[in-house]
């Protein structure tokens, strides 16, 4: 939740500055462009009950354009497109390395 709250704050600050810099102060909320957040959630992720960040993403209306294809299909597409990281190891967040129900504490980071 902290990640998406921070990203939303950055996006809102950017949009305010953009509106100020372009003299768009008179625009109504419906006329203003909305910043859309995306993530790389894939179909395999949605089947994992330990992915607590998926609820946070949903709460912040984060779009997941890859959520209908598997991790393997994402890798195949990346390879086809010539991306050098098509077969890179996953890099999960540190919190996911602790068992469900274990509170994240400073001593876990050592």
Foldseek 3Di string as FASTA:
>chain_A
DVVLVVVQVVQVVVQVVVCVVVVVVPDDPVPGDDDAAEDAAACVNVVDPLPPCVVVCVVSVHHHPHHDHDLVVQLVVCVVVVPPCSPPDDDDDPVSVDDPPDDDDPVSVD
